[in-house]
Amino acid sequence: MRHQAIYNLYSNVTYISDEKGAFDSNGNKVSINEDDVNNEITRLQAQEEQDKINKEARIASAKAKLEALGLTTEEIKDTFGL
């Protein structure tokens, strides 16, 4: 997730080495702000968690709608894997 945070913050970064740092397309080292990177990591983690919650809510909504149409829980699970 650290690499993604750096790519998100520094559009000129094309390569990241965990040992050597971040580099642009010319091989020049790009200076990065660790506080900004850590904040972006936190934002990405929160977004990932929210995406998971949203997916679970969509699945629950789909199940409820299918049940309202008269399908049983077993039919829904067998047919859609929900």
C-alpha atoms as a PDB file:
ATOM      1  CA  MET A   1       0.000   0.000   0.000  1.00  0.00           C
ATOM      2  CA  ARG A   2       3.005   2.278   0.560  1.00  0.00           C
ATOM      3  CA  HIS A   3       3.913   2.146  -3.128  1.00  0.00           C
ATOM      4  CA  GLN A   4       0.365   3.039  -4.143  1.00  0.00           C
ATOM      5  CA  ALA A   5       0.399   5.980  -1.735  1.00  0.00           C
ATOM      6  CA  ILE A   6       3.623   7.275  -3.282  1.00  0.00           C
ATOM      7  CA  TYR A   7       2.294   6.849  -6.828  1.00  0.00           C
ATOM      8  CA  ASN A   8      -0.892   8.690  -5.829  1.00  0.00           C
ATOM      9  CA  LEU A   9       1.026  11.618  -4.363  1.00  0.00           C
ATOM     10  CA  TYR A  10       3.886  11.900  -6.841  1.00  0.00           C
ATOM     11  CA  SER A  11       2.779  11.610 -10.445  1.00  0.00           C
ATOM     12  CA  ASN A  12       6.380  11.849 -11.665  1.00  0.00           C
ATOM     13  CA  VAL A  13       7.412   8.655  -9.833  1.00  0.00           C
ATOM     14  CA  THR A  14       7.732   5.711 -12.201  1.00  0.00           C
ATOM     15  CA  TYR A  15       9.776   3.282 -10.075  1.00  0.00           C
ATOM     16  CA  ILE A  16      10.012   2.564  -6.357  1.00  0.00           C
ATOM     17  CA  SER A  17      12.712   0.548  -4.622  1.00  0.00           C
ATOM     18  CA  ASP A  18      12.101  -0.280  -0.975  1.00  0.00           C
ATOM     19  CA  GLU A  19      15.834   0.027  -0.354  1.00  0.00           C
ATOM     20  CA  LYS A  20      16.774   2.998  -2.561  1.00  0.00           C
ATOM     21  CA  GLY A  21      13.652   5.175  -2.772  1.00  0.00           C
ATOM     22  CA  ALA A  22      11.413   6.594  -5.482  1.00  0.00           C
ATOM     23  CA  PHE A  23      12.603   7.572  -8.965  1.00  0.00           C
ATOM     24  CA  ASP A  24      11.279   9.406 -12.001  1.00  0.00           C
ATOM     25  CA  SER A  25      11.448   8.200 -15.602  1.00  0.00           C
ATOM     26  CA  ASN A  26      14.964   9.636 -15.971  1.00  0.00           C
ATOM     27  CA  GLY A  27      16.270   7.697 -12.981  1.00  0.00           C
ATOM     28  CA  ASN A  28      16.399  10.765 -10.764  1.00  0.00           C
ATOM     29  CA  LYS A  29      15.558  10.226  -7.121  1.00  0.00           C
ATOM     30  CA  VAL A  30      12.298  11.904  -6.088  1.00  0.00           C
ATOM     31  CA  SER A  31      12.170  13.384  -2.613  1.00  0.00           C
ATOM     32  CA  ILE A  32       9.045  12.280  -0.762  1.00  0.00           C
ATOM     33  CA  ASN A  33       7.417  13.576   2.395  1.00  0.00           C
ATOM     34  CA  GLU A  34       6.905  10.682   4.815  1.00  0.00           C
ATOM     35  CA  ASP A  35       4.076  12.427   6.660  1.00  0.00           C
ATOM     36  CA  ASP A  36       2.180  12.863   3.409  1.00  0.00           C
ATOM     37  CA  VAL A  37       2.817   9.224   2.489  1.00  0.00           C
ATOM     38  CA  ASN A  38       1.609   8.010   5.891  1.00  0.00           C
ATOM     39  CA  ASN A  39      -1.520  10.163   5.616  1.00  0.00           C
ATOM     40  CA  GLU A  40      -2.212   8.740   2.154  1.00  0.00           C
ATOM     41  CA  ILE A  41      -1.729   5.187   3.459  1.00  0.00           C
ATOM     42  CA  THR A  42      -4.267   5.922   6.191  1.00  0.00           C
ATOM     43  CA  ARG A  43      -6.678   7.319   3.584  1.00  0.00           C
ATOM     44  CA  LEU A  44      -6.223   4.270   1.343  1.00  0.00           C
ATOM     45  CA  GLN A  45      -6.819   1.899   4.256  1.00  0.00           C
ATOM     46  CA  ALA A  46      -9.991   3.770   5.213  1.00  0.00           C
ATOM     47  CA  GLN A  47     -11.167   3.680   1.593  1.00  0.00           C
ATOM     48  CA  GLU A  48     -10.480  -0.053   1.405  1.00  0.00           C
ATOM     49  CA  GLU A  49     -12.514  -0.642   4.556  1.00  0.00           C
ATOM     50  CA  GLN A  50     -15.353   1.557   3.279  1.00  0.00           C
ATOM     51  CA  ASP A  51     -15.358  -0.311  -0.038  1.00  0.00           C
ATOM     52  CA  LYS A  52     -15.697  -3.586   1.884  1.00  0.00           C
ATOM     53  CA  ILE A  53     -18.602  -2.205   3.925  1.00  0.00           C
ATOM     54  CA  ASN A  54     -20.292  -0.883   0.777  1.00  0.00           C
ATOM     55  CA  LYS A  55     -19.938  -4.258  -0.954  1.00  0.00           C
ATOM     56  CA  GLU A  56     -21.471  -6.066   2.016  1.00  0.00           C
ATOM     57  CA  ALA A  57     -24.364  -3.580   2.014  1.00  0.00           C
ATOM     58  CA  ARG A  58     -24.946  -4.107  -1.720  1.00  0.00           C
ATOM     59  CA  ILE A  59     -24.991  -7.885  -1.230  1.00  0.00           C
ATOM     60  CA  ALA A  60     -27.457  -7.574   1.660  1.00  0.00           C
ATOM     61  CA  SER A  61     -29.639  -5.293  -0.454  1.00  0.00           C
ATOM     62  CA  ALA A  62     -29.579  -7.730  -3.373  1.00  0.00           C
ATOM     63  CA  LYS A  63     -30.517 -10.622  -1.067  1.00  0.00           C
ATOM     64  CA  ALA A  64     -33.419  -8.652   0.395  1.00  0.00           C
ATOM     65  CA  LYS A  65     -34.703  -7.748  -3.062  1.00  0.00           C
ATOM     66  CA  LEU A  66     -34.480 -11.343  -4.258  1.00  0.00           C
ATOM     67  CA  GLU A  67     -36.273 -12.573  -1.139  1.00  0.00           C
ATOM     68  CA  ALA A  68     -38.978  -9.947  -1.744  1.00  0.00           C
ATOM     69  CA  LEU A  69     -39.466 -11.529  -5.165  1.00  0.00           C
ATOM     70  CA  GLY A  70     -40.147 -14.840  -3.446  1.00  0.00           C
ATOM     71  CA  LEU A  71     -36.799 -16.640  -3.676  1.00  0.00           C
ATOM     72  CA  THR A  72     -35.712 -18.641  -0.657  1.00  0.00           C
ATOM     73  CA  THR A  73     -32.349 -18.137   1.034  1.00  0.00           C
ATOM     74  CA  GLU A  74     -31.255 -21.514  -0.347  1.00  0.00           C
ATOM     75  CA  GLU A  75     -32.268 -20.578  -3.896  1.00  0.00           C
ATOM     76  CA  ILE A  76     -30.386 -17.301  -3.645  1.00  0.00           C
ATOM     77  CA  LYS A  77     -27.298 -19.004  -2.303  1.00  0.00           C
ATOM     78  CA  ASP A  78     -27.371 -21.815  -4.868  1.00  0.00           C
ATOM     79  CA  THR A  79     -28.027 -19.505  -7.795  1.00  0.00           C
ATOM     80  CA  PHE A  80     -25.985 -16.425  -6.943  1.00  0.00           C
ATOM     81  CA  GLY A  81     -23.600 -17.581  -4.221  1.00  0.00           C
ATOM     82  CA  LEU A  82     -24.869 -14.876  -1.888  1.00  0.00           C
END
